[in-house]
Amino acid sequence: MIIFWQLPRFRIDLQGNKNRRRISRQQKMTHWPGLNRITQPQMTAEAILSKYDGKVAALGLQTREYLLWNLPGISEEVDQSASLLGYSYGPGYKNVICVILLSKKGVKIGFNRGGELPDPQCLLTGTGKVHRFVVIRSAGDLDNPALKELLDEAARAHRKRINQTT
């Protein structure tokens, strides 16, 4: 049986004074910052994309549709703090295939363990030992067959990693 308990709604005074006046919801949220994550509604992909200007948002939406179309059965997760969209075939970081990284300058597709993927067309950039990314400058970049092959390689590498660990 799971029992949920509620934190007191009174301000806690560490000096021993008995200050028991009720605090408002807004004060409670600032007094216990961990509660912000619990009470805030989950952000959607559209909400993340709407933070950016029209060109970046439109390109991000096209990139999102591209990934959902080309990675069948993939699940999408929204990271509010980093403003990114993650795509994985299961829970945990080990199941992440790629992420969409959004910035004022544009859109990137970041690959988990991208440094291990074969990349004959040299699409992957970045200097990380593990993670690499592909810069998406226009919707035409999504039509590149080398990008589709890179996605397929990332999915194959994921399946191989999962089969080795089980």
C-alpha atoms as a PDB file:
ATOM      1  CA  MET A   1       0.000   0.000   0.000  1.00  0.00           C
ATOM      2  CA  ILE A   2       1.350   3.394  -0.987  1.00  0.00           C
ATOM      3  CA  ILE A   3       0.740   6.292   1.372  1.00  0.00           C
ATOM      4  CA  PHE A   4       1.153   9.816   0.088  1.00  0.00           C
ATOM      5  CA  TRP A   5       1.858  12.575   2.557  1.00  0.00           C
ATOM      6  CA  GLN A   6       1.709  16.278   2.080  1.00  0.00           C
ATOM      7  CA  LEU A   7       4.323  18.797   3.139  1.00  0.00           C
ATOM      8  CA  PRO A   8       3.110  21.318   5.726  1.00  0.00           C
ATOM      9  CA  ARG A   9       1.691  24.519   4.360  1.00  0.00           C
ATOM     10  CA  PHE A  10       3.353  26.619   7.025  1.00  0.00           C
ATOM     11  CA  ARG A  11       6.623  28.477   6.641  1.00  0.00           C
ATOM     12  CA  ILE A  12       9.358  26.703   8.557  1.00  0.00           C
ATOM     13  CA  ASP A  13      11.427  28.939  10.785  1.00  0.00           C
ATOM     14  CA  LEU A  14      14.825  27.447  11.573  1.00  0.00           C
ATOM     15  CA  GLN A  15      15.472  29.832  14.488  1.00  0.00           C
ATOM     16  CA  GLY A  16      12.768  28.271  16.651  1.00  0.00           C
ATOM     17  CA  ASN A  17      10.167  31.019  16.330  1.00  0.00           C
ATOM     18  CA  LYS A  18       6.639  29.778  16.027  1.00  0.00           C
ATOM     19  CA  ASN A  19       5.669  31.561  12.839  1.00  0.00           C
ATOM     20  CA  ARG A  20       2.654  29.505  11.834  1.00  0.00           C
ATOM     21  CA  ARG A  21       0.913  31.827   9.393  1.00  0.00           C
ATOM     22  CA  ARG A  22      -0.407  30.110   6.302  1.00  0.00           C
ATOM     23  CA  ILE A  23       1.493  30.711   3.109  1.00  0.00           C
ATOM     24  CA  SER A  24       0.006  31.030  -0.337  1.00  0.00           C
ATOM     25  CA  ARG A  25       0.482  28.510  -3.108  1.00  0.00           C
ATOM     26  CA  GLN A  26       2.954  30.809  -4.879  1.00  0.00           C
ATOM     27  CA  GLN A  27       5.033  31.189  -1.711  1.00  0.00           C
ATOM     28  CA  LYS A  28       4.942  27.439  -1.187  1.00  0.00           C
ATOM     29  CA  MET A  29       6.227  26.880  -4.702  1.00  0.00           C
ATOM     30  CA  THR A  30       9.215  29.133  -4.102  1.00  0.00           C
ATOM     31  CA  HIS A  31       9.788  27.761  -0.595  1.00  0.00           C
ATOM     32  CA  TRP A  32       9.934  24.143  -1.793  1.00  0.00           C
ATOM     33  CA  PRO A  33      11.441  24.316  -5.280  1.00  0.00           C
ATOM     34  CA  GLY A  34      11.163  20.565  -5.814  1.00  0.00           C
ATOM     35  CA  LEU A  35       7.402  20.946  -6.001  1.00  0.00           C
ATOM     36  CA  ASN A  36       7.661  23.007  -9.195  1.00  0.00           C
ATOM     37  CA  ARG A  37       8.424  19.893 -11.202  1.00  0.00           C
ATOM     38  CA  ILE A  38       5.487  18.023  -9.745  1.00  0.00           C
ATOM     39  CA  THR A  39       2.826  20.681 -10.218  1.00  0.00           C
ATOM     40  CA  GLN A  40       3.807  22.055 -13.615  1.00  0.00           C
ATOM     41  CA  PRO A  41       1.945  20.467 -16.513  1.00  0.00           C
ATOM     42  CA  GLN A  42       4.050  18.399 -18.868  1.00  0.00           C
ATOM     43  CA  MET A  43       5.299  20.332 -21.856  1.00  0.00           C
ATOM     44  CA  THR A  44       4.501  19.078 -25.316  1.00  0.00           C
ATOM     45  CA  ALA A  45       6.713  19.057 -28.386  1.00  0.00           C
ATOM     46  CA  GLU A  46       4.596  21.842 -29.874  1.00  0.00           C
ATOM     47  CA  ALA A  47       5.153  23.984 -26.780  1.00  0.00           C
ATOM     48  CA  ILE A  48       8.928  23.516 -27.035  1.00  0.00           C
ATOM     49  CA  LEU A  49       8.882  24.379 -30.745  1.00  0.00           C
ATOM     50  CA  SER A  50       6.732  27.462 -30.182  1.00  0.00           C
ATOM     51  CA  LYS A  51       9.522  29.019 -28.080  1.00  0.00           C
ATOM     52  CA  TYR A  52      11.547  29.620 -31.241  1.00  0.00           C
ATOM     53  CA  ASP A  53      11.055  31.910 -34.216  1.00  0.00           C
ATOM     54  CA  GLY A  54       9.008  30.787 -37.215  1.00  0.00           C
ATOM     55  CA  LYS A  55      11.832  29.415 -39.357  1.00  0.00           C
ATOM     56  CA  VAL A  56      13.432  27.352 -36.578  1.00  0.00           C
ATOM     57  CA  ALA A  57      10.043  26.145 -35.316  1.00  0.00           C
ATOM     58  CA  ALA A  58       8.950  25.070 -38.809  1.00  0.00           C
ATOM     59  CA  LEU A  59      12.250  23.278 -39.445  1.00  0.00           C
ATOM     60  CA  GLY A  60      12.036  21.624 -36.022  1.00  0.00           C
ATOM     61  CA  LEU A  61       8.518  20.403 -36.777  1.00  0.00           C
ATOM     62  CA  GLN A  62       9.639  18.994 -40.147  1.00  0.00           C
ATOM     63  CA  THR A  63      12.588  17.278 -38.465  1.00  0.00           C
ATOM     64  CA  ARG A  64      10.266  15.820 -35.833  1.00  0.00           C
ATOM     65  CA  GLU A  65       7.923  14.432 -38.495  1.00  0.00           C
ATOM     66  CA  TYR A  66      10.911  13.040 -40.399  1.00  0.00           C
ATOM     67  CA  LEU A  67      12.174  11.145 -37.336  1.00  0.00           C
ATOM     68  CA  LEU A  68       8.745   9.828 -36.381  1.00  0.00           C
ATOM     69  CA  TRP A  69       8.223   8.610 -39.956  1.00  0.00           C
ATOM     70  CA  ASN A  70      11.644   6.983 -40.400  1.00  0.00           C
ATOM     71  CA  LEU A  71      11.949   5.391 -36.951  1.00  0.00           C
ATOM     72  CA  PRO A  72       8.823   3.229 -36.644  1.00  0.00           C
ATOM     73  CA  GLY A  73       7.657   2.546 -33.104  1.00  0.00           C
ATOM     74  CA  ILE A  74       9.913   5.229 -31.615  1.00  0.00           C
ATOM     75  CA  SER A  75       8.692   7.102 -28.554  1.00  0.00           C
ATOM     76  CA  GLU A  76       9.149  10.832 -28.122  1.00  0.00           C
ATOM     77  CA  GLU A  77      10.087  12.455 -24.835  1.00  0.00           C
ATOM     78  CA  VAL A  78      10.200  16.169 -24.092  1.00  0.00           C
ATOM     79  CA  ASP A  79      12.984  17.549 -21.910  1.00  0.00           C
ATOM     80  CA  GLN A  80      11.668  20.852 -20.568  1.00  0.00           C
ATOM     81  CA  SER A  81      14.879  22.050 -18.960  1.00  0.00           C
ATOM     82  CA  ALA A  82      17.063  21.508 -22.029  1.00  0.00           C
ATOM     83  CA  SER A  83      14.335  22.330 -24.579  1.00  0.00           C
ATOM     84  CA  LEU A  84      14.988  19.234 -26.608  1.00  0.00           C
ATOM     85  CA  LEU A  85      13.021  16.320 -27.988  1.00  0.00           C
ATOM     86  CA  GLY A  86      14.372  12.829 -27.375  1.00  0.00           C
ATOM     87  CA  TYR A  87      13.597   9.698 -29.401  1.00  0.00           C
ATOM     88  CA  SER A  88      14.076   6.264 -27.879  1.00  0.00           C
ATOM     89  CA  TYR A  89      12.971   2.646 -28.070  1.00  0.00           C
ATOM     90  CA  GLY A  90      12.569   2.236 -24.331  1.00  0.00           C
ATOM     91  CA  PRO A  91      13.219   3.797 -20.949  1.00  0.00           C
ATOM     92  CA  GLY A  92      16.608   5.049 -19.929  1.00  0.00           C
ATOM     93  CA  TYR A  93      19.492   6.726 -21.635  1.00  0.00           C
ATOM     94  CA  LYS A  94      20.809   3.523 -23.215  1.00  0.00           C
ATOM     95  CA  ASN A  95      17.698   3.309 -25.421  1.00  0.00           C
ATOM     96  CA  VAL A  96      18.007   6.821 -26.855  1.00  0.00           C
ATOM     97  CA  ILE A  97      18.578   6.849 -30.596  1.00  0.00           C
ATOM     98  CA  CYS A  98      18.698  10.593 -31.218  1.00  0.00           C
ATOM     99  CA  VAL A  99      17.510  14.002 -30.036  1.00  0.00           C
ATOM    100  CA  ILE A 100      16.403  17.191 -31.740  1.00  0.00           C
ATOM    101  CA  LEU A 101      18.454  20.103 -30.447  1.00  0.00           C
ATOM    102  CA  LEU A 102      16.879  23.510 -30.973  1.00  0.00           C
ATOM    103  CA  SER A 103      18.616  26.870 -30.771  1.00  0.00           C
ATOM    104  CA  LYS A 104      18.180  30.386 -32.101  1.00  0.00           C
ATOM    105  CA  LYS A 105      20.510  29.509 -34.974  1.00  0.00           C
ATOM    106  CA  GLY A 106      18.751  26.347 -36.095  1.00  0.00           C
ATOM    107  CA  VAL A 107      18.101  22.656 -35.637  1.00  0.00           C
ATOM    108  CA  LYS A 108      20.435  19.726 -35.065  1.00  0.00           C
ATOM    109  CA  ILE A 109      19.858  16.007 -34.789  1.00  0.00           C
ATOM    110  CA  GLY A 110      22.110  14.664 -32.048  1.00  0.00           C
ATOM    111  CA  PHE A 111      22.985  10.970 -32.139  1.00  0.00           C
ATOM    112  CA  ASN A 112      23.590   8.893 -29.033  1.00  0.00           C
ATOM    113  CA  ARG A 113      26.961   7.205 -29.560  1.00  0.00           C
ATOM    114  CA  GLY A 114      27.269   8.984 -32.877  1.00  0.00           C
ATOM    115  CA  GLY A 115      31.032   8.699 -32.680  1.00  0.00           C
ATOM    116  CA  GLU A 116      30.663   4.918 -33.148  1.00  0.00           C
ATOM    117  CA  LEU A 117      28.458   5.144 -36.254  1.00  0.00           C
ATOM    118  CA  PRO A 118      29.831   4.692 -39.763  1.00  0.00           C
ATOM    119  CA  ASP A 119      29.547   8.012 -41.586  1.00  0.00           C
ATOM    120  CA  PRO A 120      30.947   7.778 -45.135  1.00  0.00           C
ATOM    121  CA  GLN A 121      29.290  11.072 -46.206  1.00  0.00           C
ATOM    122  CA  CYS A 122      30.760  12.929 -43.187  1.00  0.00           C
ATOM    123  CA  LEU A 123      27.421  14.314 -42.033  1.00  0.00           C
ATOM    124  CA  LEU A 124      28.248  14.037 -38.345  1.00  0.00           C
ATOM    125  CA  THR A 125      29.951  17.012 -36.752  1.00  0.00           C
ATOM    126  CA  GLY A 126      31.106  17.793 -33.260  1.00  0.00           C
ATOM    127  CA  THR A 127      34.191  16.942 -31.299  1.00  0.00           C
ATOM    128  CA  GLY A 128      32.652  14.722 -28.627  1.00  0.00           C
ATOM    129  CA  LYS A 129      34.080  11.250 -28.136  1.00  0.00           C
ATOM    130  CA  VAL A 130      30.593   9.758 -27.874  1.00  0.00           C
ATOM    131  CA  HIS A 131      27.943  12.149 -29.170  1.00  0.00           C
ATOM    132  CA  ARG A 132      27.826  13.745 -32.585  1.00  0.00           C
ATOM    133  CA  PHE A 133      25.199  15.740 -34.429  1.00  0.00           C
ATOM    134  CA  VAL A 134      23.962  16.618 -37.898  1.00  0.00           C
ATOM    135  CA  VAL A 135      23.106  20.253 -38.615  1.00  0.00           C
ATOM    136  CA  ILE A 136      19.771  20.691 -40.408  1.00  0.00           C
ATOM    137  CA  ARG A 137      19.895  23.980 -42.311  1.00  0.00           C
ATOM    138  CA  SER A 138      16.818  23.495 -44.498  1.00  0.00           C
ATOM    139  CA  ALA A 139      14.054  21.018 -45.237  1.00  0.00           C
ATOM    140  CA  GLY A 140      16.158  19.822 -48.188  1.00  0.00           C
ATOM    141  CA  ASP A 141      18.716  18.400 -45.753  1.00  0.00           C
ATOM    142  CA  LEU A 142      16.064  15.940 -44.592  1.00  0.00           C
ATOM    143  CA  ASP A 143      15.847  14.505 -48.133  1.00  0.00           C
ATOM    144  CA  ASN A 144      19.491  13.431 -48.050  1.00  0.00           C
ATOM    145  CA  PRO A 145      19.664   9.613 -48.358  1.00  0.00           C
ATOM    146  CA  ALA A 146      22.844   9.639 -46.249  1.00  0.00           C
ATOM    147  CA  LEU A 147      20.820  10.978 -43.297  1.00  0.00           C
ATOM    148  CA  LYS A 148      18.315   8.132 -43.655  1.00  0.00           C
ATOM    149  CA  GLU A 149      21.195   5.649 -43.735  1.00  0.00           C
ATOM    150  CA  LEU A 150      22.663   7.247 -40.612  1.00  0.00           C
ATOM    151  CA  LEU A 151      19.317   6.840 -38.807  1.00  0.00           C
ATOM    152  CA  ASP A 152      19.150   3.200 -39.894  1.00  0.00           C
ATOM    153  CA  GLU A 153      22.701   2.626 -38.620  1.00  0.00           C
ATOM    154  CA  ALA A 154      21.811   4.214 -35.265  1.00  0.00           C
ATOM    155  CA  ALA A 155      18.769   1.921 -34.943  1.00  0.00           C
ATOM    156  CA  ARG A 156      20.888  -1.135 -35.860  1.00  0.00           C
ATOM    157  CA  ALA A 157      23.559  -0.161 -33.336  1.00  0.00           C
ATOM    158  CA  HIS A 158      20.857   0.197 -30.677  1.00  0.00           C
ATOM    159  CA  ARG A 159      19.458  -3.265 -31.395  1.00  0.00           C
ATOM    160  CA  LYS A 160      22.950  -4.734 -31.246  1.00  0.00           C
ATOM    161  CA  ARG A 161      23.667  -3.023 -27.883  1.00  0.00           C
ATOM    162  CA  ILE A 162      20.391  -4.224 -26.391  1.00  0.00           C
ATOM    163  CA  ASN A 163      20.940  -7.826 -27.575  1.00  0.00           C
ATOM    164  CA  GLN A 164      24.436  -7.856 -26.071  1.00  0.00           C
ATOM    165  CA  THR A 165      23.225  -6.697 -22.660  1.00  0.00           C
ATOM    166  CA  THR A 166      20.371  -9.213 -22.371  1.00  0.00           C
END
